[in-house]
Amino acid sequence: MADENKADKRWGENLRHTYRLVIMNNETFEEVGSYKLTLLNVYILFSSIAVLVALLVAAIIVLTPMKRYIPGFGDGRHNEIMQLNEEIDEMKAELDAHKAYTDNFRKILVGEVAFLSEEEVEGNDFSDSLLEVERIKEDEILRKEIELEEQIQEKALLSRTANFKSNQSLEKLYFVPPITGMVGSEFDQVKKHFGIDILAPKNTPVKAVLDGYVFMSDWTLETGYTLGIQHDNNVVSFYKHNSALLKKIGEFVSAGEALAIIGNSGTLSNGPHLHFELWHNGKPVDPASYVIFE
């Protein structure tokens, strides 16, 4: 035990023993400087440097983004990524729902209605459920619209039959009205108003008057969204100032099929309406003489 105390005492004295650090010129052996040092001072100096370096590294890790690259410090970033993924999933679900809604709305406008097959009808008993449902005002309006659409389809079928011959006069052709509404401005060839303006509520679908092929589906500065159809018997029809077009160039359309949505586009329009033009043999004719709009 006494030997251990003596060794500790000797080690402590060695730490406090003074040494001189002399710096000399290697060629002339001239003394440049000298410093008194102890082992304790050297130990304290290097310990202080190590502590300062440790504090500097800790500050860099805590106060800079470098902590994200150290295992255990990236949990916050992981939570942010998970939250962003959830928000992206929600936006994707909303986008899919909006796309499905617009697709269904477009199918309703153009008449692409899905029907149940005979097997599906036989496998489901709809009678009880229909009896339990109370009819409301909106339901009655919808039924009337469906009945009107069926009448238009029947008239379109008659139009196909009537227009089978390619040399018939306009008086013998059956034109489906593009929309029904009040006439706002009549045909006036003197004033170069080569069509007729029909007023109708917003979002009213515009329908084809005869079977034909779309040769124009574009936007112009004066007439806005415009659509033109080439029919048999050298008949051409134009539908101008729409808010949206549902058909593209080259598509075949049937009489009574939805082509566009009534609007107020173009500099020559000052309110929601349809400017409808009818041309025969390269000349404009008064649509009111062949189509009933009201």
C-alpha atoms as a PDB file:
ATOM      1  CA  MET A   1       0.000   0.000   0.000  1.00  0.00           C
ATOM      2  CA  ALA A   2       2.869   2.333   0.894  1.00  0.00           C
ATOM      3  CA  ASP A   3       4.518   1.560  -2.457  1.00  0.00           C
ATOM      4  CA  GLU A   4       1.350   2.551  -4.305  1.00  0.00           C
ATOM      5  CA  ASN A   5       1.170   5.891  -2.399  1.00  0.00           C
ATOM      6  CA  LYS A   6       4.794   6.596  -3.233  1.00  0.00           C
ATOM      7  CA  ALA A   7       4.158   5.836  -6.908  1.00  0.00           C
ATOM      8  CA  ASP A   8       1.175   8.178  -7.008  1.00  0.00           C
ATOM      9  CA  LYS A   9       3.160  10.896  -5.289  1.00  0.00           C
ATOM     10  CA  ARG A  10       6.049  10.439  -7.712  1.00  0.00           C
ATOM     11  CA  TRP A  11       3.591  10.572 -10.707  1.00  0.00           C
ATOM     12  CA  GLY A  12       2.042  13.804  -9.393  1.00  0.00           C
ATOM     13  CA  GLU A  13       5.491  15.387  -8.947  1.00  0.00           C
ATOM     14  CA  ASN A  14       6.397  14.426 -12.488  1.00  0.00           C
ATOM     15  CA  LEU A  15       3.281  16.196 -13.765  1.00  0.00           C
ATOM     16  CA  ARG A  16       4.337  19.393 -11.992  1.00  0.00           C
ATOM     17  CA  HIS A  17       7.999  19.112 -12.961  1.00  0.00           C
ATOM     18  CA  THR A  18       9.051  22.048 -15.117  1.00  0.00           C
ATOM     19  CA  TYR A  19      10.465  21.511 -18.597  1.00  0.00           C
ATOM     20  CA  ARG A  20      11.842  24.029 -21.048  1.00  0.00           C
ATOM     21  CA  LEU A  21      10.882  23.922 -24.695  1.00  0.00           C
ATOM     22  CA  VAL A  22      13.621  25.546 -26.778  1.00  0.00           C
ATOM     23  CA  ILE A  23      13.176  26.439 -30.435  1.00  0.00           C
ATOM     24  CA  MET A  24      16.524  26.800 -32.325  1.00  0.00           C
ATOM     25  CA  ASN A  25      17.613  27.512 -35.874  1.00  0.00           C
ATOM     26  CA  ASN A  26      18.766  24.213 -37.379  1.00  0.00           C
ATOM     27  CA  GLU A  27      21.650  25.779 -39.332  1.00  0.00           C
ATOM     28  CA  THR A  28      23.046  28.406 -36.907  1.00  0.00           C
ATOM     29  CA  PHE A  29      21.793  26.821 -33.677  1.00  0.00           C
ATOM     30  CA  GLU A  30      20.567  30.262 -32.727  1.00  0.00           C
ATOM     31  CA  GLU A  31      17.891  30.170 -30.035  1.00  0.00           C
ATOM     32  CA  VAL A  32      14.676  31.546 -31.426  1.00  0.00           C
ATOM     33  CA  GLY A  33      12.515  31.100 -28.334  1.00  0.00           C
ATOM     34  CA  SER A  34      12.049  29.055 -25.206  1.00  0.00           C
ATOM     35  CA  TYR A  35       8.976  28.149 -23.175  1.00  0.00           C
ATOM     36  CA  LYS A  36       8.501  26.639 -19.727  1.00  0.00           C
ATOM     37  CA  LEU A  37       6.100  23.735 -19.732  1.00  0.00           C
ATOM     38  CA  THR A  38       4.860  21.080 -17.394  1.00  0.00           C
ATOM     39  CA  LEU A  39       3.153  17.830 -18.261  1.00  0.00           C
ATOM     40  CA  LEU A  40       0.084  19.071 -16.418  1.00  0.00           C
ATOM     41  CA  ASN A  41      -0.123  22.176 -18.617  1.00  0.00           C
ATOM     42  CA  VAL A  42       0.238  20.070 -21.762  1.00  0.00           C
ATOM     43  CA  TYR A  43      -2.486  17.714 -20.534  1.00  0.00           C
ATOM     44  CA  ILE A  44      -4.822  20.631 -19.761  1.00  0.00           C
ATOM     45  CA  LEU A  45      -4.133  22.212 -23.170  1.00  0.00           C
ATOM     46  CA  PHE A  46      -4.935  19.082 -25.163  1.00  0.00           C
ATOM     47  CA  SER A  47      -7.948  18.311 -22.976  1.00  0.00           C
ATOM     48  CA  SER A  48      -9.314  21.807 -23.584  1.00  0.00           C
ATOM     49  CA  ILE A  49      -8.809  21.412 -27.330  1.00  0.00           C
ATOM     50  CA  ALA A  50     -10.624  18.050 -27.275  1.00  0.00           C
ATOM     51  CA  VAL A  51     -13.524  19.543 -25.313  1.00  0.00           C
ATOM     52  CA  LEU A  52     -13.808  22.511 -27.725  1.00  0.00           C
ATOM     53  CA  VAL A  53     -13.795  20.192 -30.740  1.00  0.00           C
ATOM     54  CA  ALA A  54     -16.495  18.026 -29.146  1.00  0.00           C
ATOM     55  CA  LEU A  55     -18.644  21.091 -28.420  1.00  0.00           C
ATOM     56  CA  LEU A  56     -18.166  22.358 -31.997  1.00  0.00           C
ATOM     57  CA  VAL A  57     -19.212  19.007 -33.482  1.00  0.00           C
ATOM     58  CA  ALA A  58     -22.242  18.838 -31.182  1.00  0.00           C
ATOM     59  CA  ALA A  59     -23.291  22.368 -32.187  1.00  0.00           C
ATOM     60  CA  ILE A  60     -22.991  21.499 -35.884  1.00  0.00           C
ATOM     61  CA  ILE A  61     -25.129  18.392 -35.402  1.00  0.00           C
ATOM     62  CA  VAL A  62     -27.817  20.151 -33.362  1.00  0.00           C
ATOM     63  CA  LEU A  63     -28.018  23.477 -35.211  1.00  0.00           C
ATOM     64  CA  THR A  64     -27.537  22.360 -38.843  1.00  0.00           C
ATOM     65  CA  PRO A  65     -29.368  19.899 -41.162  1.00  0.00           C
ATOM     66  CA  MET A  66     -26.465  17.449 -40.796  1.00  0.00           C
ATOM     67  CA  LYS A  67     -28.322  15.758 -37.945  1.00  0.00           C
ATOM     68  CA  ARG A  68     -30.687  14.243 -40.526  1.00  0.00           C
ATOM     69  CA  TYR A  69     -27.850  12.046 -41.789  1.00  0.00           C
ATOM     70  CA  ILE A  70     -27.126  10.606 -38.339  1.00  0.00           C
ATOM     71  CA  PRO A  71     -29.108   7.513 -37.275  1.00  0.00           C
ATOM     72  CA  GLY A  72     -31.664   8.416 -34.645  1.00  0.00           C
ATOM     73  CA  PHE A  73     -31.964  12.086 -35.618  1.00  0.00           C
ATOM     74  CA  GLY A  74     -34.063  11.586 -38.803  1.00  0.00           C
ATOM     75  CA  ASP A  75     -37.379  10.785 -37.103  1.00  0.00           C
ATOM     76  CA  GLY A  76     -38.735  14.302 -37.635  1.00  0.00           C
ATOM     77  CA  ARG A  77     -37.913  14.212 -41.334  1.00  0.00           C
ATOM     78  CA  HIS A  78     -39.528  10.793 -41.602  1.00  0.00           C
ATOM     79  CA  ASN A  79     -42.739  12.154 -40.083  1.00  0.00           C
ATOM     80  CA  GLU A  80     -42.750  15.024 -42.589  1.00  0.00           C
ATOM     81  CA  ILE A  81     -42.373  12.581 -45.482  1.00  0.00           C
ATOM     82  CA  MET A  82     -45.215  10.428 -44.144  1.00  0.00           C
ATOM     83  CA  GLN A  83     -47.459  13.493 -43.826  1.00  0.00           C
ATOM     84  CA  LEU A  84     -46.636  14.589 -47.384  1.00  0.00           C
ATOM     85  CA  ASN A  85     -47.441  11.088 -48.663  1.00  0.00           C
ATOM     86  CA  GLU A  86     -50.823  11.195 -46.916  1.00  0.00           C
ATOM     87  CA  GLU A  87     -51.594  14.599 -48.434  1.00  0.00           C
ATOM     88  CA  ILE A  88     -50.616  13.303 -51.895  1.00  0.00           C
ATOM     89  CA  ASP A  89     -52.915  10.289 -51.448  1.00  0.00           C
ATOM     90  CA  GLU A  90     -55.793  12.579 -50.455  1.00  0.00           C
ATOM     91  CA  MET A  91     -55.200  14.818 -53.479  1.00  0.00           C
ATOM     92  CA  LYS A  92     -55.061  11.758 -55.744  1.00  0.00           C
ATOM     93  CA  ALA A  93     -58.379  10.490 -54.331  1.00  0.00           C
ATOM     94  CA  GLU A  94     -59.992  13.907 -54.879  1.00  0.00           C
ATOM     95  CA  LEU A  95     -58.616  14.025 -58.435  1.00  0.00           C
ATOM     96  CA  ASP A  96     -59.976  10.545 -59.201  1.00  0.00           C
ATOM     97  CA  ALA A  97     -63.388  11.500 -57.796  1.00  0.00           C
ATOM     98  CA  HIS A  98     -63.433  14.702 -59.865  1.00  0.00           C
ATOM     99  CA  LYS A  99     -62.426  12.771 -62.994  1.00  0.00           C
ATOM    100  CA  ALA A 100     -65.172  10.208 -62.405  1.00  0.00           C
ATOM    101  CA  TYR A 101     -67.719  13.023 -61.929  1.00  0.00           C
ATOM    102  CA  THR A 102     -66.689  14.791 -65.150  1.00  0.00           C
ATOM    103  CA  ASP A 103     -66.728  11.515 -67.087  1.00  0.00           C
ATOM    104  CA  ASN A 104     -70.235  10.705 -65.855  1.00  0.00           C
ATOM    105  CA  PHE A 105     -71.410  14.229 -66.650  1.00  0.00           C
ATOM    106  CA  ARG A 106     -69.960  13.980 -70.154  1.00  0.00           C
ATOM    107  CA  LYS A 107     -71.672  10.606 -70.697  1.00  0.00           C
ATOM    108  CA  ILE A 108     -74.988  12.130 -69.652  1.00  0.00           C
ATOM    109  CA  LEU A 109     -74.539  15.005 -72.110  1.00  0.00           C
ATOM    110  CA  VAL A 110     -73.601  12.822 -75.068  1.00  0.00           C
ATOM    111  CA  GLY A 111     -76.094  10.073 -74.222  1.00  0.00           C
ATOM    112  CA  GLU A 112     -73.604   7.340 -73.273  1.00  0.00           C
ATOM    113  CA  VAL A 113     -75.886   5.742 -70.685  1.00  0.00           C
ATOM    114  CA  ALA A 114     -74.943   2.334 -69.265  1.00  0.00           C
ATOM    115  CA  PHE A 115     -77.742  -0.241 -69.152  1.00  0.00           C
ATOM    116  CA  LEU A 116     -78.010  -3.408 -67.086  1.00  0.00           C
ATOM    117  CA  SER A 117     -77.889  -6.730 -68.863  1.00  0.00           C
ATOM    118  CA  GLU A 118     -80.796  -9.173 -68.713  1.00  0.00           C
ATOM    119  CA  GLU A 119     -78.901 -11.374 -66.247  1.00  0.00           C
ATOM    120  CA  GLU A 120     -78.316  -8.416 -63.918  1.00  0.00           C
ATOM    121  CA  VAL A 121     -81.950  -7.377 -64.134  1.00  0.00           C
ATOM    122  CA  GLU A 122     -83.196 -10.926 -63.416  1.00  0.00           C
ATOM    123  CA  GLY A 123     -80.786 -11.307 -60.511  1.00  0.00           C
ATOM    124  CA  ASN A 124     -81.999  -8.139 -58.748  1.00  0.00           C
ATOM    125  CA  ASP A 125     -85.474  -7.437 -57.435  1.00  0.00           C
ATOM    126  CA  PHE A 126     -86.010  -3.716 -57.908  1.00  0.00           C
ATOM    127  CA  SER A 127     -89.771  -3.659 -57.398  1.00  0.00           C
ATOM    128  CA  ASP A 128     -89.758  -3.514 -53.602  1.00  0.00           C
ATOM    129  CA  SER A 129     -87.040  -0.869 -53.442  1.00  0.00           C
ATOM    130  CA  LEU A 130     -88.823   1.293 -56.007  1.00  0.00           C
ATOM    131  CA  LEU A 131     -92.079   1.121 -54.061  1.00  0.00           C
ATOM    132  CA  GLU A 132     -90.317   2.221 -50.876  1.00  0.00           C
ATOM    133  CA  VAL A 133     -88.728   5.301 -52.465  1.00  0.00           C
ATOM    134  CA  GLU A 134     -90.749   8.485 -52.143  1.00  0.00           C
ATOM    135  CA  ARG A 135     -90.789  10.553 -55.312  1.00  0.00           C
ATOM    136  CA  ILE A 136     -89.521  14.087 -54.942  1.00  0.00           C
ATOM    137  CA  LYS A 137     -89.728  17.135 -57.167  1.00  0.00           C
ATOM    138  CA  GLU A 138     -86.189  16.738 -58.525  1.00  0.00           C
ATOM    139  CA  ASP A 139     -87.003  13.139 -59.456  1.00  0.00           C
ATOM    140  CA  GLU A 140     -90.020  14.231 -61.469  1.00  0.00           C
ATOM    141  CA  ILE A 141     -87.930  16.848 -63.292  1.00  0.00           C
ATOM    142  CA  LEU A 142     -85.312  14.233 -64.104  1.00  0.00           C
ATOM    143  CA  ARG A 143     -87.968  11.859 -65.447  1.00  0.00           C
ATOM    144  CA  LYS A 144     -89.325  14.578 -67.716  1.00  0.00           C
ATOM    145  CA  GLU A 145     -85.837  15.332 -68.997  1.00  0.00           C
ATOM    146  CA  ILE A 146     -85.304  11.635 -69.765  1.00  0.00           C
ATOM    147  CA  GLU A 147     -88.622  11.462 -71.599  1.00  0.00           C
ATOM    148  CA  LEU A 148     -87.665  14.566 -73.584  1.00  0.00           C
ATOM    149  CA  GLU A 149     -84.325  12.983 -74.437  1.00  0.00           C
ATOM    150  CA  GLU A 150     -86.102   9.847 -75.668  1.00  0.00           C
ATOM    151  CA  GLN A 151     -88.346  11.980 -77.870  1.00  0.00           C
ATOM    152  CA  ILE A 152     -85.274  13.689 -79.299  1.00  0.00           C
ATOM    153  CA  GLN A 153     -83.718  10.295 -80.030  1.00  0.00           C
ATOM    154  CA  GLU A 154     -86.904   9.231 -81.832  1.00  0.00           C
ATOM    155  CA  LYS A 155     -86.878  12.431 -83.862  1.00  0.00           C
ATOM    156  CA  ALA A 156     -83.194  11.816 -84.643  1.00  0.00           C
ATOM    157  CA  LEU A 157     -84.131   8.376 -85.978  1.00  0.00           C
ATOM    158  CA  LEU A 158     -86.779   9.980 -88.162  1.00  0.00           C
ATOM    159  CA  SER A 159     -84.172  12.473 -89.294  1.00  0.00           C
ATOM    160  CA  ARG A 160     -81.837   9.670 -90.397  1.00  0.00           C
ATOM    161  CA  THR A 161     -84.656   8.095 -92.400  1.00  0.00           C
ATOM    162  CA  ALA A 162     -85.742  11.394 -93.945  1.00  0.00           C
ATOM    163  CA  ASN A 163     -82.190  12.380 -94.885  1.00  0.00           C
ATOM    164  CA  PHE A 164     -81.328   9.079 -96.546  1.00  0.00           C
ATOM    165  CA  LYS A 165     -81.619  10.578-100.014  1.00  0.00           C
ATOM    166  CA  SER A 166     -78.861  13.061-100.781  1.00  0.00           C
ATOM    167  CA  ASN A 167     -80.775  15.299-103.194  1.00  0.00           C
ATOM    168  CA  GLN A 168     -83.703  16.354-101.035  1.00  0.00           C
ATOM    169  CA  SER A 169     -84.581  20.007-100.520  1.00  0.00           C
ATOM    170  CA  LEU A 170     -84.347  21.663 -97.110  1.00  0.00           C
ATOM    171  CA  GLU A 171     -88.128  21.712 -96.797  1.00  0.00           C
ATOM    172  CA  LYS A 172     -88.179  17.900 -96.835  1.00  0.00           C
ATOM    173  CA  LEU A 173     -85.454  17.511 -94.192  1.00  0.00           C
ATOM    174  CA  TYR A 174     -86.242  17.166 -90.503  1.00  0.00           C
ATOM    175  CA  PHE A 175     -83.973  19.355 -88.345  1.00  0.00           C
ATOM    176  CA  VAL A 176     -83.598  18.680 -84.628  1.00  0.00           C
ATOM    177  CA  PRO A 177     -83.459  22.043 -82.825  1.00  0.00           C
ATOM    178  CA  PRO A 178     -79.957  22.631 -81.401  1.00  0.00           C
ATOM    179  CA  ILE A 179     -81.556  24.183 -78.303  1.00  0.00           C
ATOM    180  CA  THR A 180     -84.994  25.410 -77.361  1.00  0.00           C
ATOM    181  CA  GLY A 181     -85.338  28.994 -76.218  1.00  0.00           C
ATOM    182  CA  MET A 182     -86.297  32.535 -77.116  1.00  0.00           C
ATOM    183  CA  VAL A 183     -84.904  34.056 -80.311  1.00  0.00           C
ATOM    184  CA  GLY A 184     -82.738  37.038 -79.412  1.00  0.00           C
ATOM    185  CA  SER A 185     -81.563  38.135 -82.853  1.00  0.00           C
ATOM    186  CA  GLU A 186     -82.974  37.004 -86.195  1.00  0.00           C
ATOM    187  CA  PHE A 187     -81.327  36.229 -89.514  1.00  0.00           C
ATOM    188  CA  ASP A 188     -80.390  39.401 -91.460  1.00  0.00           C
ATOM    189  CA  GLN A 189     -78.261  38.958 -94.548  1.00  0.00           C
ATOM    190  CA  VAL A 190     -78.098  42.719 -95.178  1.00  0.00           C
ATOM    191  CA  LYS A 191     -76.391  43.279 -91.816  1.00  0.00           C
ATOM    192  CA  LYS A 192     -74.232  40.185 -92.429  1.00  0.00           C
ATOM    193  CA  HIS A 193     -75.861  38.390 -89.521  1.00  0.00           C
ATOM    194  CA  PHE A 194     -75.928  35.010 -91.250  1.00  0.00           C
ATOM    195  CA  GLY A 195     -77.520  33.130 -88.384  1.00  0.00           C
ATOM    196  CA  ILE A 196     -79.968  33.313 -85.532  1.00  0.00           C
ATOM    197  CA  ASP A 197     -79.269  33.880 -81.816  1.00  0.00           C
ATOM    198  CA  ILE A 198     -81.151  31.668 -79.347  1.00  0.00           C
ATOM    199  CA  LEU A 199     -81.211  32.514 -75.633  1.00  0.00           C
ATOM    200  CA  ALA A 200     -81.081  29.623 -73.183  1.00  0.00           C
ATOM    201  CA  PRO A 201     -80.035  28.987 -69.565  1.00  0.00           C
ATOM    202  CA  LYS A 202     -76.406  28.497 -68.624  1.00  0.00           C
ATOM    203  CA  ASN A 203     -74.901  25.002 -69.156  1.00  0.00           C
ATOM    204  CA  THR A 204     -77.598  24.038 -71.692  1.00  0.00           C
ATOM    205  CA  PRO A 205     -76.270  21.320 -74.076  1.00  0.00           C
ATOM    206  CA  VAL A 206     -76.166  22.205 -77.778  1.00  0.00           C
ATOM    207  CA  LYS A 207     -77.277  19.378 -80.093  1.00  0.00           C
ATOM    208  CA  ALA A 208     -76.638  18.511 -83.751  1.00  0.00           C
ATOM    209  CA  VAL A 209     -79.476  19.339 -86.113  1.00  0.00           C
ATOM    210  CA  LEU A 210     -78.624  16.508 -88.552  1.00  0.00           C
ATOM    211  CA  ASP A 211     -76.221  13.616 -88.910  1.00  0.00           C
ATOM    212  CA  GLY A 212     -72.795  14.652 -90.134  1.00  0.00           C
ATOM    213  CA  TYR A 213     -69.060  14.954 -89.651  1.00  0.00           C
ATOM    214  CA  VAL A 214     -67.317  17.625 -87.594  1.00  0.00           C
ATOM    215  CA  PHE A 215     -64.971  19.635 -89.821  1.00  0.00           C
ATOM    216  CA  MET A 216     -64.356  22.534 -87.415  1.00  0.00           C
ATOM    217  CA  SER A 217     -63.839  22.448 -83.651  1.00  0.00           C
ATOM    218  CA  ASP A 218     -61.766  25.409 -82.549  1.00  0.00           C
ATOM    219  CA  TRP A 219     -61.670  28.793 -80.783  1.00  0.00           C
ATOM    220  CA  THR A 220     -61.662  32.125 -82.599  1.00  0.00           C
ATOM    221  CA  LEU A 221     -61.341  35.638 -81.228  1.00  0.00           C
ATOM    222  CA  GLU A 222     -64.735  36.866 -82.454  1.00  0.00           C
ATOM    223  CA  THR A 223     -66.936  33.755 -82.183  1.00  0.00           C
ATOM    224  CA  GLY A 224     -65.172  31.957 -79.265  1.00  0.00           C
ATOM    225  CA  TYR A 225     -65.594  28.189 -79.148  1.00  0.00           C
ATOM    226  CA  THR A 226     -67.045  27.311 -82.563  1.00  0.00           C
ATOM    227  CA  LEU A 227     -68.073  23.992 -84.077  1.00  0.00           C
ATOM    228  CA  GLY A 228     -69.007  23.242 -87.688  1.00  0.00           C
ATOM    229  CA  ILE A 229     -70.663  20.110 -89.133  1.00  0.00           C
ATOM    230  CA  GLN A 230     -70.900  18.915 -92.733  1.00  0.00           C
ATOM    231  CA  HIS A 231     -74.221  17.162 -93.443  1.00  0.00           C
ATOM    232  CA  ASP A 232     -75.715  15.396 -96.442  1.00  0.00           C
ATOM    233  CA  ASN A 233     -77.450  17.373 -99.193  1.00  0.00           C
ATOM    234  CA  ASN A 234     -74.593  19.913 -99.107  1.00  0.00           C
ATOM    235  CA  VAL A 235     -75.843  21.330 -95.793  1.00  0.00           C
ATOM    236  CA  VAL A 236     -73.450  22.903 -93.267  1.00  0.00           C
ATOM    237  CA  SER A 237     -74.317  24.040 -89.729  1.00  0.00           C
ATOM    238  CA  PHE A 238     -72.314  26.256 -87.359  1.00  0.00           C
ATOM    239  CA  TYR A 239     -72.612  26.552 -83.548  1.00  0.00           C
ATOM    240  CA  LYS A 240     -70.824  29.582 -82.084  1.00  0.00           C
ATOM    241  CA  HIS A 241     -70.072  31.318 -78.733  1.00  0.00           C
ATOM    242  CA  ASN A 242     -70.019  28.046 -76.748  1.00  0.00           C
ATOM    243  CA  SER A 243     -68.367  27.684 -73.343  1.00  0.00           C
ATOM    244  CA  ALA A 244     -67.000  24.194 -74.128  1.00  0.00           C
ATOM    245  CA  LEU A 245     -66.785  21.824 -77.100  1.00  0.00           C
ATOM    246  CA  LEU A 246     -67.545  18.111 -76.729  1.00  0.00           C
ATOM    247  CA  LYS A 247     -66.523  16.922 -80.211  1.00  0.00           C
ATOM    248  CA  LYS A 248     -63.290  16.935 -82.203  1.00  0.00           C
ATOM    249  CA  ILE A 249     -62.570  17.308 -85.912  1.00  0.00           C
ATOM    250  CA  GLY A 250     -63.348  14.150 -87.881  1.00  0.00           C
ATOM    251  CA  GLU A 251     -65.923  12.717 -85.465  1.00  0.00           C
ATOM    252  CA  PHE A 252     -69.304  11.573 -86.743  1.00  0.00           C
ATOM    253  CA  VAL A 253     -72.290  12.962 -84.845  1.00  0.00           C
ATOM    254  CA  SER A 254     -75.916  11.919 -84.907  1.00  0.00           C
ATOM    255  CA  ALA A 255     -78.901  14.228 -84.984  1.00  0.00           C
ATOM    256  CA  GLY A 256     -79.799  15.217 -81.432  1.00  0.00           C
ATOM    257  CA  GLU A 257     -76.353  14.339 -80.045  1.00  0.00           C
ATOM    258  CA  ALA A 258     -74.760  16.865 -77.661  1.00  0.00           C
ATOM    259  CA  LEU A 259     -71.970  18.841 -79.314  1.00  0.00           C
ATOM    260  CA  ALA A 260     -71.135  21.672 -76.944  1.00  0.00           C
ATOM    261  CA  ILE A 261     -72.286  23.711 -73.936  1.00  0.00           C
ATOM    262  CA  ILE A 262     -73.935  27.080 -74.449  1.00  0.00           C
ATOM    263  CA  GLY A 263     -71.746  29.985 -73.417  1.00  0.00           C
ATOM    264  CA  ASN A 264     -70.622  33.576 -73.884  1.00  0.00           C
ATOM    265  CA  SER A 265     -67.194  33.206 -75.513  1.00  0.00           C
ATOM    266  CA  GLY A 266     -65.838  35.532 -78.189  1.00  0.00           C
ATOM    267  CA  THR A 267     -65.770  39.303 -78.579  1.00  0.00           C
ATOM    268  CA  LEU A 268     -69.050  39.372 -80.553  1.00  0.00           C
ATOM    269  CA  SER A 269     -71.040  37.903 -77.651  1.00  0.00           C
ATOM    270  CA  ASN A 270     -72.575  39.900 -74.818  1.00  0.00           C
ATOM    271  CA  GLY A 271     -74.467  37.177 -72.954  1.00  0.00           C
ATOM    272  CA  PRO A 272     -75.056  33.405 -72.832  1.00  0.00           C
ATOM    273  CA  HIS A 273     -76.624  32.374 -76.129  1.00  0.00           C
ATOM    274  CA  LEU A 274     -76.111  30.178 -79.189  1.00  0.00           C
ATOM    275  CA  HIS A 275     -75.430  31.711 -82.587  1.00  0.00           C
ATOM    276  CA  PHE A 276     -76.654  29.071 -85.051  1.00  0.00           C
ATOM    277  CA  GLU A 277     -76.007  29.256 -88.782  1.00  0.00           C
ATOM    278  CA  LEU A 278     -77.370  27.039 -91.553  1.00  0.00           C
ATOM    279  CA  TRP A 279     -75.748  27.002 -95.000  1.00  0.00           C
ATOM    280  CA  HIS A 280     -76.998  25.219 -98.129  1.00  0.00           C
ATOM    281  CA  ASN A 281     -75.015  24.941-101.363  1.00  0.00           C
ATOM    282  CA  GLY A 282     -72.491  27.450-100.042  1.00  0.00           C
ATOM    283  CA  LYS A 283     -75.075  30.132 -99.169  1.00  0.00           C
ATOM    284  CA  PRO A 284     -76.536  31.099 -95.774  1.00  0.00           C
ATOM    285  CA  VAL A 285     -80.231  30.458 -95.210  1.00  0.00           C
ATOM    286  CA  ASP A 286     -82.610  31.575 -92.464  1.00  0.00           C
ATOM    287  CA  PRO A 287     -82.627  28.737 -89.856  1.00  0.00           C
ATOM    288  CA  ALA A 288     -86.032  29.892 -88.557  1.00  0.00           C
ATOM    289  CA  SER A 289     -87.583  28.763 -91.843  1.00  0.00           C
ATOM    290  CA  TYR A 290     -86.615  25.134 -91.201  1.00  0.00           C
ATOM    291  CA  VAL A 291     -86.066  24.739 -87.442  1.00  0.00           C
ATOM    292  CA  ILE A 292     -88.486  25.361 -84.585  1.00  0.00           C
ATOM    293  CA  PHE A 293     -86.578  26.885 -81.637  1.00  0.00           C
ATOM    294  CA  GLU A 294     -89.412  27.778 -79.221  1.00  0.00           C
END
